[in-house]
Every structure is written in structure tokens, then in C-alpha cells.
C-alpha atoms as a PDB file:
ATOM      1  CA  UNK A   1       2.370 -19.015  27.512  1.00  0.00           C
ATOM      2  CA  UNK A   2       6.013 -19.073  28.550  1.00  0.00           C
ATOM      3  CA  UNK A   3       8.132 -22.170  27.961  1.00  0.00           C
ATOM      4  CA  UNK A   4      11.333 -22.665  29.879  1.00  0.00           C
ATOM      5  CA  UNK A   5      14.285 -23.836  27.811  1.00  0.00           C
ATOM      6  CA  UNK A   6      18.050 -24.011  28.015  1.00  0.00           C
ATOM      7  CA  UNK A   7      20.244 -22.126  25.548  1.00  0.00           C
ATOM      8  CA  UNK A   8      24.004 -22.080  25.153  1.00  0.00           C
ATOM      9  CA  UNK A   9      25.928 -18.984  24.075  1.00  0.00           C
ATOM     10  CA  UNK A  10      29.488 -18.196  23.176  1.00  0.00           C
ATOM     11  CA  UNK A  11      31.380 -16.074  25.685  1.00  0.00           C
ATOM     12  CA  UNK A  12      31.032 -13.128  23.308  1.00  0.00           C
ATOM     13  CA  UNK A  13      27.247 -13.500  23.031  1.00  0.00           C
ATOM     14  CA  UNK A  14      26.824 -14.022  26.767  1.00  0.00           C
ATOM     15  CA  UNK A  15      28.915 -10.931  27.518  1.00  0.00           C
ATOM     16  CA  UNK A  16      26.843  -8.860  25.065  1.00  0.00           C
ATOM     17  CA  UNK A  17      23.556 -10.039  26.568  1.00  0.00           C
ATOM     18  CA  UNK A  18      24.794  -9.337  30.083  1.00  0.00           C
ATOM     19  CA  UNK A  19      25.917  -5.848  29.082  1.00  0.00           C
ATOM     20  CA  UNK A  20      22.536  -5.032  27.525  1.00  0.00           C
ATOM     21  CA  UNK A  21      20.720  -6.216  30.636  1.00  0.00           C
ATOM     22  CA  UNK A  22      23.153  -4.251  32.814  1.00  0.00           C
ATOM     23  CA  UNK A  23      22.546  -1.110  30.720  1.00  0.00           C
ATOM     24  CA  UNK A  24      18.793  -1.538  31.172  1.00  0.00           C
ATOM     25  CA  UNK A  25      18.152  -2.095  27.462  1.00  0.00           C
ATOM     26  CA  UNK A  26      16.430  -5.373  28.359  1.00  0.00           C
ATOM     27  CA  UNK A  27      15.012  -6.526  31.678  1.00  0.00           C
ATOM     28  CA  UNK A  28      16.499 -10.002  31.317  1.00  0.00           C
ATOM     29  CA  UNK A  29      18.604 -12.053  28.949  1.00  0.00           C
ATOM     30  CA  UNK A  30      15.444 -13.925  28.015  1.00  0.00           C
ATOM     31  CA  UNK A  31      13.813 -10.649  26.999  1.00  0.00           C
ATOM     32  CA  UNK A  32      16.801  -9.839  24.781  1.00  0.00           C
ATOM     33  CA  UNK A  33      16.656 -13.225  23.072  1.00  0.00           C
ATOM     34  CA  UNK A  34      12.888 -12.904  22.607  1.00  0.00           C
ATOM     35  CA  UNK A  35      13.394  -9.477  21.007  1.00  0.00           C
ATOM     36  CA  UNK A  36      15.980 -10.891  18.596  1.00  0.00           C
ATOM     37  CA  UNK A  37      13.631 -13.715  17.638  1.00  0.00           C
ATOM     38  CA  UNK A  38      10.780 -11.247  17.060  1.00  0.00           C
ATOM     39  CA  UNK A  39      13.046  -9.228  14.743  1.00  0.00           C
ATOM     40  CA  UNK A  40      13.952 -12.393  12.844  1.00  0.00           C
ATOM     41  CA  UNK A  41      10.270 -13.300  12.503  1.00  0.00           C
ATOM     42  CA  UNK A  42       9.389  -9.814  11.250  1.00  0.00           C
ATOM     43  CA  UNK A  43      12.255  -9.897   8.752  1.00  0.00           C
ATOM     44  CA  UNK A  44      11.094 -13.264   7.450  1.00  0.00           C
ATOM     45  CA  UNK A  45       7.518 -12.029   7.106  1.00  0.00           C
ATOM     46  CA  UNK A  46       8.676  -8.921   5.234  1.00  0.00           C
ATOM     47  CA  UNK A  47      10.778 -11.044   2.857  1.00  0.00           C
ATOM     48  CA  UNK A  48       7.796 -13.321   2.173  1.00  0.00           C
ATOM     49  CA  UNK A  49       5.572 -10.321   1.437  1.00  0.00           C
ATOM     50  CA  UNK A  50       8.177  -8.759  -0.841  1.00  0.00           C
ATOM     51  CA  UNK A  51       8.836 -12.005  -2.715  1.00  0.00           C
ATOM     52  CA  UNK A  52       5.123 -12.623  -3.173  1.00  0.00           C
ATOM     53  CA  UNK A  53       4.608  -9.124  -4.538  1.00  0.00           C
ATOM     54  CA  UNK A  54       7.646  -9.500  -6.789  1.00  0.00           C
ATOM     55  CA  UNK A  55       6.377 -12.828  -8.142  1.00  0.00           C
ATOM     56  CA  UNK A  56       2.968 -11.275  -8.834  1.00  0.00           C
ATOM     57  CA  UNK A  57       4.615  -8.397 -10.672  1.00  0.00           C
ATOM     58  CA  UNK A  58       6.734 -10.753 -12.765  1.00  0.00           C
ATOM     59  CA  UNK A  59       3.656 -12.810 -13.695  1.00  0.00           C
ATOM     60  CA  UNK A  60       1.819  -9.629 -14.675  1.00  0.00           C
ATOM     61  CA  UNK A  61       4.744  -8.405 -16.759  1.00  0.00           C
ATOM     62  CA  UNK A  62       4.914 -11.706 -18.597  1.00  0.00           C
ATOM     63  CA  UNK A  63       1.362 -11.015 -19.819  1.00  0.00           C
ATOM     64  CA  UNK A  64       2.180  -7.433 -20.848  1.00  0.00           C
ATOM     65  CA  UNK A  65       3.479  -6.431 -24.258  1.00  0.00           C
ATOM     66  CA  UNK A  66       6.827  -4.629 -24.045  1.00  0.00           C
ATOM     67  CA  UNK A  67       5.384  -1.335 -25.327  1.00  0.00           C
ATOM     68  CA  UNK A  68       3.119  -1.163 -22.269  1.00  0.00           C
ATOM     69  CA  UNK A  69       5.846  -1.723 -19.647  1.00  0.00           C
ATOM     70  CA  UNK A  70       6.031   0.759 -16.775  1.00  0.00           C
ATOM     71  CA  UNK A  71       9.184   1.919 -15.005  1.00  0.00           C
ATOM     72  CA  UNK A  72      10.484  -0.007 -11.997  1.00  0.00           C
ATOM     73  CA  UNK A  73       9.518   2.668  -9.445  1.00  0.00           C
ATOM     74  CA  UNK A  74       5.892   2.371 -10.463  1.00  0.00           C
ATOM     75  CA  UNK A  75       6.032  -1.402 -10.879  1.00  0.00           C
ATOM     76  CA  UNK A  76       7.408  -2.124  -7.412  1.00  0.00           C
ATOM     77  CA  UNK A  77       5.516   0.549  -5.517  1.00  0.00           C
ATOM     78  CA  UNK A  78       2.921  -2.038  -4.454  1.00  0.00           C
ATOM     79  CA  UNK A  79       5.640  -4.295  -3.015  1.00  0.00           C
ATOM     80  CA  UNK A  80       7.207  -1.395  -1.138  1.00  0.00           C
ATOM     81  CA  UNK A  81       3.804  -0.340   0.200  1.00  0.00           C
ATOM     82  CA  UNK A  82       3.062  -3.898   1.395  1.00  0.00           C
ATOM     83  CA  UNK A  83       6.356  -4.072   3.307  1.00  0.00           C
ATOM     84  CA  UNK A  84       5.786  -0.636   4.854  1.00  0.00           C
ATOM     85  CA  UNK A  85       2.252  -1.606   5.878  1.00  0.00           C
ATOM     86  CA  UNK A  86       3.555  -4.753   7.595  1.00  0.00           C
ATOM     87  CA  UNK A  87       6.061  -2.658   9.557  1.00  0.00           C
ATOM     88  CA  UNK A  88       3.297  -0.441  10.929  1.00  0.00           C
ATOM     89  CA  UNK A  89       1.440  -3.404  12.487  1.00  0.00           C
END
């Protein structure tokens, strides 16, 4: 569903949007704004995934004796894999 709304932009932002539409990067200014919002949503989702994985790793480490710690590359590989998997969707 498409909802019509009114947005206000600075001259600089309006000029940029108009240039991108003129260059054919986006079909319309609305399409450019929608693309920016999608990128923001994806970034937020990736941050949530990374923070959740980080919190899980911290909880696990709190239960681990120091002699059994693993290096950071191994410890955070699951978080990196989760972010990469979300990017492929």
C-alpha cells in the first residue's frame, strides 16, 4: 500500500534529490526517499542483531572460567555471520 504524505527538505537536500532523479539513479524523489528509509531500516536491524549476539557472547563469557576464554575473532564470528546472513536476505 502506498500512503501519500508531505515532506519538507532543505534546499541542499532537495537539490540532491532532484539531481539523482535527473541522473536516472531514482525514478522519482519518492523512490529516493524510500530507498534511504530502507537503508536506515536495514542498518537498524543489523545493529539489533549484532547487539543481541554481543549480549549473548558476554553472558556466555561471564559463565566461563578465564582459562577457557577464546580469542575475539572466534568469539565474535557468530555475530559477524548473523550480520552477513541478514545482508543476503
